[in-house]
Amino acid sequence: MTILTFGESVVSIIRTYPLTHYPLEGIVFFLGLGFLFVFYIIQTFINVNHHQNASPLLLHYAHLIIILSLMFLTLGLQFIANKAHHELGTYFFIFSILAFFIGTLATSWYNHDFYQIDKKLIGQYSLILFISCFLFYILRHNLFLLGLSLVISTFLMQQTGMRYRRLMREKYKIIHSDPKQNKRDFS
């Protein structure tokens, strides 16, 4: 369901920001959505321990938040392009980005023990999100800069998570997997 919702968001971006009318805006919003997808995949596919016995309740509710946030993102991006609903679209946009990251990070409860997030990482994520939301609000009247700030913020969130992942692998002396030898080892 989550991947279908990402797909619907892509279709909405293509329809709302066609390259003939919004060439740069369409590209940056598409890239921003792409980085959101990469962040989601890293957290839910790579970091999560898929072999544990745990209650799926939190995972279920986290995915409801993720799916709803993607729907609000789609709606926000459509409203932002419409001058009559621009301000409301901005609020939907900001809310959806915050909700997406909160929902995705809530799945970290299911991470491998060595990938459990700590207070320092939460602080780094929070700082990036706070600055990003501030920039989203300030840049809301320039679609290209708004999209560019989305690309930068989602890229920073992704890189922060990957850096933490690498540090934890080194701290616990976990060998970085060689995909040529074991193509299914994503831990």
N, C-alpha and C. Protein backbone atom coordinates (compact mmCIF):
# COMPACT_ATOMS: atom_id res chain seq x y z
N MET A 1 0.82 -1.20 0.00
CA MET A 1 0.00 0.00 0.00
C MET A 1 0.87 1.26 0.00
N THR A 2 1.94 1.23 0.76
CA THR A 2 2.82 2.40 0.84
C THR A 2 3.45 2.70 -0.51
N ILE A 3 3.92 1.67 -1.19
CA ILE A 3 4.57 1.87 -2.48
C ILE A 3 3.55 2.36 -3.51
N LEU A 4 2.32 1.88 -3.44
CA LEU A 4 1.26 2.39 -4.33
C LEU A 4 1.00 3.87 -4.07
N THR A 5 1.03 4.27 -2.81
CA THR A 5 0.80 5.67 -2.47
C THR A 5 1.94 6.54 -2.98
N PHE A 6 3.18 6.03 -2.90
CA PHE A 6 4.30 6.75 -3.51
C PHE A 6 4.05 6.91 -5.01
N GLY A 7 3.58 5.85 -5.65
CA GLY A 7 3.29 5.91 -7.08
C GLY A 7 2.22 6.94 -7.42
N GLU A 8 1.18 7.00 -6.60
CA GLU A 8 0.13 8.01 -6.80
C GLU A 8 0.71 9.42 -6.66
N SER A 9 1.63 9.59 -5.73
CA SER A 9 2.26 10.90 -5.55
C SER A 9 3.08 11.28 -6.78
N VAL A 10 3.78 10.31 -7.36
CA VAL A 10 4.55 10.57 -8.58
C VAL A 10 3.62 11.01 -9.70
N VAL A 11 2.53 10.29 -9.88
CA VAL A 11 1.56 10.64 -10.93
C VAL A 11 1.02 12.04 -10.69
N SER A 12 0.74 12.37 -9.45
CA SER A 12 0.22 13.70 -9.12
C SER A 12 1.24 14.80 -9.44
N ILE A 13 2.50 14.55 -9.13
CA ILE A 13 3.54 15.53 -9.44
C ILE A 13 3.63 15.73 -10.95
N ILE A 14 3.59 14.64 -11.70
CA ILE A 14 3.69 14.74 -13.16
C ILE A 14 2.50 15.50 -13.73
N ARG A 15 1.30 15.28 -13.18
CA ARG A 15 0.11 15.98 -13.66
C ARG A 15 0.08 17.44 -13.23
N THR A 16 0.50 17.71 -12.00
CA THR A 16 0.41 19.07 -11.47
C THR A 16 1.54 19.95 -11.97
N TYR A 17 2.72 19.37 -12.16
CA TYR A 17 3.90 20.12 -12.58
C TYR A 17 4.47 19.54 -13.87
N PRO A 18 3.71 19.65 -15.00
CA PRO A 18 4.22 19.09 -16.25
C PRO A 18 5.49 19.82 -16.69
N LEU A 19 6.39 19.09 -17.31
CA LEU A 19 7.68 19.67 -17.71
C LEU A 19 7.52 20.82 -18.69
N THR A 20 6.42 20.87 -19.42
CA THR A 20 6.22 21.96 -20.38
C THR A 20 5.91 23.28 -19.69
N HIS A 21 5.31 23.24 -18.49
CA HIS A 21 4.96 24.46 -17.78
C HIS A 21 5.84 24.72 -16.56
N TYR A 22 6.24 23.67 -15.87
CA TYR A 22 7.04 23.78 -14.64
C TYR A 22 8.25 22.85 -14.74
N PRO A 23 9.19 23.12 -15.63
CA PRO A 23 10.26 22.14 -15.83
C PRO A 23 11.12 21.92 -14.57
N LEU A 24 11.57 22.98 -13.95
CA LEU A 24 12.43 22.83 -12.78
C LEU A 24 11.65 22.39 -11.54
N GLU A 25 10.46 22.94 -11.38
CA GLU A 25 9.65 22.61 -10.22
C GLU A 25 9.28 21.12 -10.21
N GLY A 26 8.87 20.62 -11.37
CA GLY A 26 8.52 19.21 -11.47
C GLY A 26 9.69 18.30 -11.14
N ILE A 27 10.87 18.67 -11.62
CA ILE A 27 12.06 17.86 -11.37
C ILE A 27 12.43 17.84 -9.89
N VAL A 28 12.43 19.02 -9.24
CA VAL A 28 12.85 19.04 -7.83
C VAL A 28 11.82 18.36 -6.93
N PHE A 29 10.53 18.52 -7.22
CA PHE A 29 9.53 17.82 -6.40
C PHE A 29 9.63 16.30 -6.60
N PHE A 30 9.90 15.89 -7.84
CA PHE A 30 10.08 14.46 -8.11
C PHE A 30 11.31 13.92 -7.37
N LEU A 31 12.42 14.66 -7.40
CA LEU A 31 13.62 14.23 -6.68
C LEU A 31 13.38 14.19 -5.18
N GLY A 32 12.66 15.19 -4.65
CA GLY A 32 12.34 15.19 -3.22
C GLY A 32 11.54 13.97 -2.83
N LEU A 33 10.55 13.63 -3.65
CA LEU A 33 9.75 12.43 -3.39
C LEU A 33 10.62 11.18 -3.51
N GLY A 34 11.54 11.19 -4.46
CA GLY A 34 12.46 10.06 -4.62
C GLY A 34 13.32 9.85 -3.39
N PHE A 35 13.83 10.93 -2.81
CA PHE A 35 14.64 10.81 -1.60
C PHE A 35 13.79 10.37 -0.41
N LEU A 36 12.53 10.78 -0.36
CA LEU A 36 11.64 10.27 0.69
C LEU A 36 11.50 8.75 0.56
N PHE A 37 11.35 8.29 -0.67
CA PHE A 37 11.22 6.85 -0.90
C PHE A 37 12.49 6.11 -0.48
N VAL A 38 13.65 6.66 -0.82
CA VAL A 38 14.92 6.03 -0.43
C VAL A 38 15.04 5.97 1.09
N PHE A 39 14.66 7.06 1.78
CA PHE A 39 14.70 7.06 3.25
C PHE A 39 13.79 5.96 3.80
N TYR A 40 12.61 5.86 3.24
CA TYR A 40 11.65 4.83 3.67
C TYR A 40 12.22 3.43 3.46
N ILE A 41 12.80 3.16 2.31
CA ILE A 41 13.35 1.84 2.01
C ILE A 41 14.52 1.51 2.92
N ILE A 42 15.41 2.48 3.14
CA ILE A 42 16.55 2.23 4.03
C ILE A 42 16.06 1.85 5.42
N GLN A 43 15.08 2.58 5.91
CA GLN A 43 14.60 2.31 7.27
C GLN A 43 13.80 1.01 7.35
N THR A 44 12.87 0.80 6.45
CA THR A 44 11.96 -0.34 6.61
C THR A 44 12.47 -1.63 5.99
N PHE A 45 13.36 -1.55 5.03
CA PHE A 45 13.84 -2.77 4.39
C PHE A 45 15.23 -3.16 4.86
N ILE A 46 16.10 -2.17 5.04
CA ILE A 46 17.49 -2.48 5.38
C ILE A 46 17.72 -2.51 6.89
N ASN A 47 17.21 -1.53 7.62
CA ASN A 47 17.51 -1.44 9.06
C ASN A 47 16.66 -2.37 9.92
N VAL A 48 15.48 -2.70 9.47
CA VAL A 48 14.56 -3.50 10.28
C VAL A 48 15.00 -4.96 10.31
N ASN A 49 14.90 -5.56 11.49
CA ASN A 49 15.19 -6.98 11.66
C ASN A 49 13.92 -7.75 11.29
N HIS A 50 13.92 -8.35 10.13
CA HIS A 50 12.74 -9.03 9.61
C HIS A 50 12.53 -10.42 10.21
N HIS A 51 13.45 -10.87 11.05
CA HIS A 51 13.36 -12.22 11.62
C HIS A 51 13.00 -12.21 13.10
N GLN A 52 12.56 -11.10 13.62
CA GLN A 52 12.22 -11.03 15.04
C GLN A 52 10.75 -11.38 15.26
N ASN A 53 10.45 -11.80 16.46
CA ASN A 53 9.07 -12.03 16.86
C ASN A 53 8.64 -10.85 17.71
N ALA A 54 7.83 -9.99 17.13
CA ALA A 54 7.38 -8.79 17.83
C ALA A 54 5.96 -8.47 17.38
N SER A 55 5.26 -7.73 18.20
CA SER A 55 3.91 -7.32 17.86
C SER A 55 3.96 -6.36 16.67
N PRO A 56 3.14 -6.58 15.66
CA PRO A 56 3.14 -5.71 14.49
C PRO A 56 2.30 -4.44 14.66
N LEU A 57 1.75 -4.22 15.83
CA LEU A 57 0.82 -3.12 16.04
C LEU A 57 1.45 -1.76 15.72
N LEU A 58 2.63 -1.49 16.27
CA LEU A 58 3.30 -0.21 16.02
C LEU A 58 3.62 -0.06 14.53
N LEU A 59 4.06 -1.14 13.91
CA LEU A 59 4.38 -1.11 12.49
C LEU A 59 3.14 -0.77 11.66
N HIS A 60 2.02 -1.32 12.06
CA HIS A 60 0.75 -1.04 11.39
C HIS A 60 0.39 0.44 11.49
N TYR A 61 0.42 0.98 12.70
CA TYR A 61 0.06 2.38 12.89
C TYR A 61 1.09 3.32 12.25
N ALA A 62 2.36 2.95 12.30
CA ALA A 62 3.38 3.78 11.65
C ALA A 62 3.11 3.85 10.15
N HIS A 63 2.72 2.74 9.55
CA HIS A 63 2.43 2.76 8.12
C HIS A 63 1.15 3.53 7.80
N LEU A 64 0.20 3.52 8.69
CA LEU A 64 -0.97 4.38 8.49
C LEU A 64 -0.55 5.85 8.45
N ILE A 65 0.34 6.24 9.35
CA ILE A 65 0.85 7.62 9.37
C ILE A 65 1.61 7.91 8.08
N ILE A 66 2.45 6.98 7.65
CA ILE A 66 3.23 7.18 6.43
C ILE A 66 2.30 7.33 5.22
N ILE A 67 1.32 6.46 5.09
CA ILE A 67 0.40 6.52 3.95
C ILE A 67 -0.41 7.81 3.97
N LEU A 68 -0.94 8.17 5.14
CA LEU A 68 -1.70 9.43 5.23
C LEU A 68 -0.81 10.63 4.94
N SER A 69 0.43 10.60 5.40
CA SER A 69 1.32 11.73 5.14
C SER A 69 1.61 11.85 3.65
N LEU A 70 1.76 10.74 2.95
CA LEU A 70 1.97 10.80 1.51
C LEU A 70 0.74 11.34 0.79
N MET A 71 -0.44 10.99 1.28
CA MET A 71 -1.67 11.54 0.70
C MET A 71 -1.75 13.04 0.93
N PHE A 72 -1.39 13.48 2.14
CA PHE A 72 -1.39 14.92 2.42
C PHE A 72 -0.31 15.63 1.61
N LEU A 73 0.83 14.97 1.39
CA LEU A 73 1.87 15.56 0.55
C LEU A 73 1.35 15.76 -0.87
N THR A 74 0.69 14.75 -1.40
CA THR A 74 0.11 14.84 -2.74
C THR A 74 -0.89 16.00 -2.81
N LEU A 75 -1.76 16.06 -1.82
CA LEU A 75 -2.74 17.14 -1.78
C LEU A 75 -2.07 18.49 -1.63
N GLY A 76 -1.07 18.57 -0.75
CA GLY A 76 -0.35 19.83 -0.54
C GLY A 76 0.33 20.31 -1.80
N LEU A 77 0.97 19.40 -2.53
CA LEU A 77 1.64 19.79 -3.77
C LEU A 77 0.65 20.27 -4.82
N GLN A 78 -0.54 19.68 -4.86
CA GLN A 78 -1.57 20.15 -5.79
C GLN A 78 -2.08 21.52 -5.37
N PHE A 79 -2.30 21.72 -4.08
CA PHE A 79 -2.80 23.00 -3.58
C PHE A 79 -1.77 24.12 -3.74
N ILE A 80 -0.50 23.81 -3.54
CA ILE A 80 0.54 24.83 -3.65
C ILE A 80 0.58 25.41 -5.06
N ALA A 81 0.31 24.59 -6.06
CA ALA A 81 0.32 25.06 -7.45
C ALA A 81 -0.88 25.95 -7.77
N ASN A 82 -1.91 25.93 -6.93
CA ASN A 82 -3.12 26.72 -7.14
C ASN A 82 -3.06 27.95 -6.25
N LYS A 83 -3.09 29.13 -6.85
CA LYS A 83 -2.96 30.37 -6.07
C LYS A 83 -4.06 30.53 -5.02
N ALA A 84 -5.24 30.04 -5.30
CA ALA A 84 -6.35 30.18 -4.35
C ALA A 84 -6.15 29.33 -3.09
N HIS A 85 -5.41 28.26 -3.21
CA HIS A 85 -5.22 27.33 -2.08
C HIS A 85 -3.76 27.21 -1.65
N HIS A 86 -2.94 28.15 -2.08
CA HIS A 86 -1.50 28.06 -1.86
C HIS A 86 -1.12 27.95 -0.38
N GLU A 87 -1.70 28.80 0.45
CA GLU A 87 -1.35 28.79 1.89
C GLU A 87 -1.76 27.47 2.54
N LEU A 88 -2.96 27.00 2.25
CA LEU A 88 -3.40 25.72 2.80
C LEU A 88 -2.49 24.59 2.32
N GLY A 89 -2.10 24.64 1.06
CA GLY A 89 -1.18 23.65 0.51
C GLY A 89 0.16 23.65 1.22
N THR A 90 0.63 24.84 1.60
CA THR A 90 1.89 24.95 2.34
C THR A 90 1.80 24.23 3.67
N TYR A 91 0.69 24.43 4.37
CA TYR A 91 0.52 23.77 5.67
C TYR A 91 0.41 22.26 5.51
N PHE A 92 -0.32 21.81 4.49
CA PHE A 92 -0.40 20.37 4.22
C PHE A 92 0.99 19.81 3.90
N PHE A 93 1.74 20.55 3.11
CA PHE A 93 3.08 20.13 2.71
C PHE A 93 3.99 19.97 3.93
N ILE A 94 4.04 20.99 4.77
CA ILE A 94 4.90 20.94 5.96
C ILE A 94 4.45 19.83 6.90
N PHE A 95 3.15 19.75 7.16
CA PHE A 95 2.62 18.71 8.03
C PHE A 95 2.96 17.32 7.50
N SER A 96 2.82 17.14 6.20
CA SER A 96 3.03 15.82 5.62
C SER A 96 4.49 15.38 5.72
N ILE A 97 5.42 16.31 5.54
CA ILE A 97 6.84 15.95 5.64
C ILE A 97 7.16 15.54 7.08
N LEU A 98 6.68 16.33 8.04
CA LEU A 98 6.90 15.97 9.45
C LEU A 98 6.29 14.61 9.78
N ALA A 99 5.05 14.41 9.37
CA ALA A 99 4.36 13.15 9.67
C ALA A 99 5.05 11.97 9.00
N PHE A 100 5.53 12.17 7.77
CA PHE A 100 6.22 11.09 7.07
C PHE A 100 7.44 10.63 7.85
N PHE A 101 8.27 11.58 8.26
CA PHE A 101 9.49 11.19 8.98
C PHE A 101 9.18 10.62 10.36
N ILE A 102 8.18 11.15 11.03
CA ILE A 102 7.79 10.59 12.33
C ILE A 102 7.30 9.16 12.15
N GLY A 103 6.45 8.93 11.16
CA GLY A 103 5.95 7.58 10.91
C GLY A 103 7.05 6.62 10.51
N THR A 104 7.93 7.07 9.63
CA THR A 104 9.01 6.19 9.19
C THR A 104 9.98 5.88 10.32
N LEU A 105 10.31 6.90 11.12
CA LEU A 105 11.23 6.67 12.24
C LEU A 105 10.58 5.84 13.34
N ALA A 106 9.26 5.84 13.42
CA ALA A 106 8.58 5.00 14.42
C ALA A 106 8.83 3.53 14.15
N THR A 107 9.10 3.19 12.90
CA THR A 107 9.40 1.78 12.58
C THR A 107 10.77 1.36 13.08
N SER A 108 11.57 2.30 13.56
CA SER A 108 12.91 1.94 14.06
C SER A 108 12.84 1.07 15.31
N TRP A 109 11.67 1.00 15.94
CA TRP A 109 11.47 0.10 17.07
C TRP A 109 11.82 -1.34 16.66
N TYR A 110 11.62 -1.64 15.38
CA TYR A 110 11.84 -2.99 14.86
C TYR A 110 13.24 -3.18 14.27
N ASN A 111 14.10 -2.17 14.41
CA ASN A 111 15.45 -2.27 13.85
C ASN A 111 16.26 -3.38 14.52
N HIS A 112 17.32 -3.80 13.83
CA HIS A 112 18.32 -4.65 14.47
C HIS A 112 18.80 -3.91 15.71
N ASP A 113 19.22 -4.63 16.73
CA ASP A 113 19.65 -4.00 17.98
C ASP A 113 20.73 -2.94 17.76
N PHE A 114 21.65 -3.21 16.87
CA PHE A 114 22.76 -2.27 16.65
C PHE A 114 22.34 -1.06 15.82
N TYR A 115 21.15 -1.05 15.23
CA TYR A 115 20.66 0.11 14.49
C TYR A 115 19.60 0.90 15.26
N GLN A 116 19.37 0.56 16.53
CA GLN A 116 18.40 1.32 17.32
C GLN A 116 18.86 2.78 17.41
N ILE A 117 17.96 3.69 17.15
CA ILE A 117 18.36 5.10 17.14
C ILE A 117 18.52 5.60 18.57
N ASP A 118 19.47 6.53 18.74
CA ASP A 118 19.74 7.08 20.06
C ASP A 118 19.34 8.56 20.10
N LYS A 119 19.52 9.18 21.26
CA LYS A 119 19.10 10.57 21.44
C LYS A 119 19.87 11.52 20.53
N LYS A 120 21.14 11.23 20.31
CA LYS A 120 21.95 12.09 19.45
C LYS A 120 21.39 12.09 18.02
N LEU A 121 21.06 10.91 17.52
CA LEU A 121 20.51 10.81 16.17
C LEU A 121 19.14 11.49 16.10
N ILE A 122 18.33 11.30 17.12
CA ILE A 122 17.02 11.98 17.16
C ILE A 122 17.22 13.49 17.14
N GLY A 123 18.22 13.97 17.87
CA GLY A 123 18.53 15.40 17.86
C GLY A 123 18.94 15.89 16.48
N GLN A 124 19.76 15.11 15.79
CA GLN A 124 20.19 15.49 14.44
C GLN A 124 19.00 15.52 13.48
N TYR A 125 18.18 14.48 13.54
CA TYR A 125 16.98 14.46 12.70
C TYR A 125 16.06 15.64 13.02
N SER A 126 15.88 15.92 14.30
CA SER A 126 14.99 17.02 14.72
C SER A 126 15.50 18.36 14.22
N LEU A 127 16.81 18.57 14.31
CA LEU A 127 17.39 19.83 13.84
C LEU A 127 17.18 19.99 12.33
N ILE A 128 17.43 18.94 11.59
CA ILE A 128 17.23 19.00 10.13
C ILE A 128 15.76 19.30 9.82
N LEU A 129 14.85 18.63 10.51
CA LEU A 129 13.42 18.84 10.25
C LEU A 129 12.97 20.24 10.66
N PHE A 130 13.47 20.74 11.78
CA PHE A 130 13.09 22.09 12.22
C PHE A 130 13.55 23.13 11.21
N ILE A 131 14.80 23.05 10.80
CA ILE A 131 15.33 24.01 9.82
C ILE A 131 14.58 23.85 8.49
N SER A 132 14.32 22.61 8.10
CA SER A 132 13.62 22.37 6.84
C SER A 132 12.22 22.97 6.85
N CYS A 133 11.48 22.75 7.92
CA CYS A 133 10.12 23.30 7.99
C CYS A 133 10.13 24.82 7.99
N PHE A 134 11.11 25.40 8.65
CA PHE A 134 11.26 26.86 8.62
C PHE A 134 11.51 27.32 7.19
N LEU A 135 12.42 26.65 6.49
CA LEU A 135 12.70 27.01 5.09
C LEU A 135 11.50 26.77 4.19
N PHE A 136 10.77 25.69 4.42
CA PHE A 136 9.57 25.44 3.62
C PHE A 136 8.60 26.61 3.74
N TYR A 137 8.42 27.10 4.96
CA TYR A 137 7.49 28.20 5.18
C TYR A 137 8.01 29.49 4.54
N ILE A 138 9.29 29.77 4.72
CA ILE A 138 9.88 31.00 4.17
C ILE A 138 9.86 30.98 2.63
N LEU A 139 10.12 29.83 2.05
CA LEU A 139 10.25 29.71 0.59
C LEU A 139 8.96 29.29 -0.10
N ARG A 140 7.85 29.33 0.60
CA ARG A 140 6.60 28.78 0.08
C ARG A 140 6.09 29.47 -1.19
N HIS A 141 6.52 30.70 -1.45
CA HIS A 141 6.02 31.42 -2.63
C HIS A 141 6.87 31.18 -3.88
N ASN A 142 7.99 30.50 -3.72
CA ASN A 142 8.83 30.17 -4.87
C ASN A 142 8.88 28.64 -4.98
N LEU A 143 8.14 28.11 -5.94
CA LEU A 143 8.00 26.65 -6.05
C LEU A 143 9.33 25.95 -6.26
N PHE A 144 10.20 26.54 -7.07
CA PHE A 144 11.49 25.89 -7.31
C PHE A 144 12.31 25.82 -6.03
N LEU A 145 12.39 26.93 -5.29
CA LEU A 145 13.18 26.93 -4.05
C LEU A 145 12.54 26.03 -2.99
N LEU A 146 11.22 25.99 -2.96
CA LEU A 146 10.54 25.08 -2.04
C LEU A 146 10.90 23.63 -2.37
N GLY A 147 10.85 23.28 -3.65
CA GLY A 147 11.22 21.93 -4.07
C GLY A 147 12.68 21.63 -3.82
N LEU A 148 13.53 22.62 -4.06
CA LEU A 148 14.96 22.44 -3.82
C LEU A 148 15.24 22.22 -2.33
N SER A 149 14.53 22.96 -1.48
CA SER A 149 14.71 22.75 -0.03
C SER A 149 14.20 21.37 0.38
N LEU A 150 13.17 20.86 -0.30
CA LEU A 150 12.71 19.50 -0.04
C LEU A 150 13.78 18.49 -0.42
N VAL A 151 14.40 18.68 -1.58
CA VAL A 151 15.47 17.77 -2.02
C VAL A 151 16.62 17.78 -1.02
N ILE A 152 17.05 18.97 -0.62
CA ILE A 152 18.18 19.08 0.30
C ILE A 152 17.85 18.46 1.65
N SER A 153 16.66 18.75 2.17
CA SER A 153 16.31 18.24 3.51
C SER A 153 16.16 16.72 3.50
N THR A 154 15.52 16.17 2.47
CA THR A 154 15.35 14.72 2.42
C THR A 154 16.69 14.03 2.19
N PHE A 155 17.55 14.65 1.40
CA PHE A 155 18.89 14.09 1.19
C PHE A 155 19.68 14.11 2.49
N LEU A 156 19.60 15.21 3.24
CA LEU A 156 20.30 15.28 4.53
C LEU A 156 19.77 14.25 5.52
N MET A 157 18.47 14.05 5.56
CA MET A 157 17.90 13.04 6.44
C MET A 157 18.42 11.65 6.05
N GLN A 158 18.44 11.38 4.77
CA GLN A 158 18.91 10.09 4.28
C GLN A 158 20.39 9.89 4.62
N GLN A 159 21.21 10.90 4.36
CA GLN A 159 22.64 10.78 4.62
C GLN A 159 22.95 10.67 6.12
N THR A 160 22.17 11.36 6.94
CA THR A 160 22.34 11.26 8.39
C THR A 160 22.08 9.83 8.85
N GLY A 161 21.03 9.23 8.34
CA GLY A 161 20.72 7.84 8.68
C GLY A 161 21.78 6.88 8.18
N MET A 162 22.28 7.09 6.98
CA MET A 162 23.30 6.19 6.44
C MET A 162 24.62 6.34 7.19
N ARG A 163 24.96 7.57 7.58
CA ARG A 163 26.18 7.78 8.36
C ARG A 163 26.08 7.06 9.70
N TYR A 164 24.91 7.17 10.35
CA TYR A 164 24.69 6.48 11.63
C TYR A 164 24.79 4.97 11.44
N ARG A 165 24.23 4.48 10.39
CA ARG A 165 24.28 3.04 10.09
C ARG A 165 25.72 2.58 9.94
N ARG A 166 26.52 3.35 9.19
CA ARG A 166 27.93 3.00 9.00
C ARG A 166 28.69 3.04 10.32
N LEU A 167 28.44 4.06 11.14
CA LEU A 167 29.10 4.16 12.45
C LEU A 167 28.75 2.98 13.35
N MET A 168 27.50 2.57 13.34
CA MET A 168 27.09 1.44 14.17
C MET A 168 27.72 0.13 13.69
N ARG A 169 27.83 -0.03 12.38
CA ARG A 169 28.48 -1.24 11.85
C ARG A 169 29.94 -1.27 12.27
N GLU A 170 30.60 -0.12 12.25
CA GLU A 170 32.01 -0.06 12.66
C GLU A 170 32.14 -0.24 14.17
N LYS A 171 31.24 0.35 14.93
CA LYS A 171 31.29 0.24 16.40
C LYS A 171 31.14 -1.21 16.83
N TYR A 172 30.23 -1.94 16.23
CA TYR A 172 29.99 -3.33 16.60
C TYR A 172 30.79 -4.32 15.74
N LYS A 173 31.73 -3.77 14.95
CA LYS A 173 32.62 -4.58 14.12
C LYS A 173 31.84 -5.55 13.21
N ILE A 174 30.84 -5.02 12.59
CA ILE A 174 30.05 -5.80 11.63
C ILE A 174 30.63 -5.55 10.25
N ILE A 175 31.00 -6.61 9.60
CA ILE A 175 31.63 -6.50 8.29
C ILE A 175 30.60 -5.96 7.30
N HIS A 176 31.03 -5.00 6.51
CA HIS A 176 30.15 -4.49 5.46
C HIS A 176 29.98 -5.58 4.41
N SER A 177 28.75 -5.91 4.13
CA SER A 177 28.48 -7.03 3.23
C SER A 177 28.94 -6.74 1.81
N ASP A 178 29.40 -7.77 1.15
CA ASP A 178 29.79 -7.70 -0.25
C ASP A 178 28.63 -8.25 -1.08
N PRO A 179 27.92 -7.40 -1.81
CA PRO A 179 26.75 -7.88 -2.54
C PRO A 179 27.08 -8.93 -3.60
N LYS A 180 28.34 -9.03 -3.99
CA LYS A 180 28.72 -10.03 -4.99
C LYS A 180 28.74 -11.43 -4.38
N GLN A 181 28.96 -11.49 -3.05
CA GLN A 181 29.02 -12.80 -2.40
C GLN A 181 27.67 -13.23 -1.84
N ASN A 182 26.92 -12.29 -1.29
CA ASN A 182 25.63 -12.62 -0.70
C ASN A 182 24.64 -11.52 -1.07
N LYS A 183 23.91 -11.71 -2.10
CA LYS A 183 23.05 -10.66 -2.64
C LYS A 183 21.84 -10.36 -1.76
N ARG A 184 21.53 -11.19 -0.79
CA ARG A 184 20.36 -10.96 0.06
C ARG A 184 20.72 -10.40 1.43
N ASP A 185 21.99 -10.14 1.72
CA ASP A 185 22.39 -9.64 3.03
C ASP A 185 22.33 -8.13 3.03
N PHE A 186 21.24 -7.57 3.56
CA PHE A 186 21.08 -6.12 3.63
C PHE A 186 21.24 -5.60 5.04
N SER A 187 21.59 -6.47 5.98
CA SER A 187 21.72 -6.04 7.38
C SER A 187 22.88 -5.13 7.46
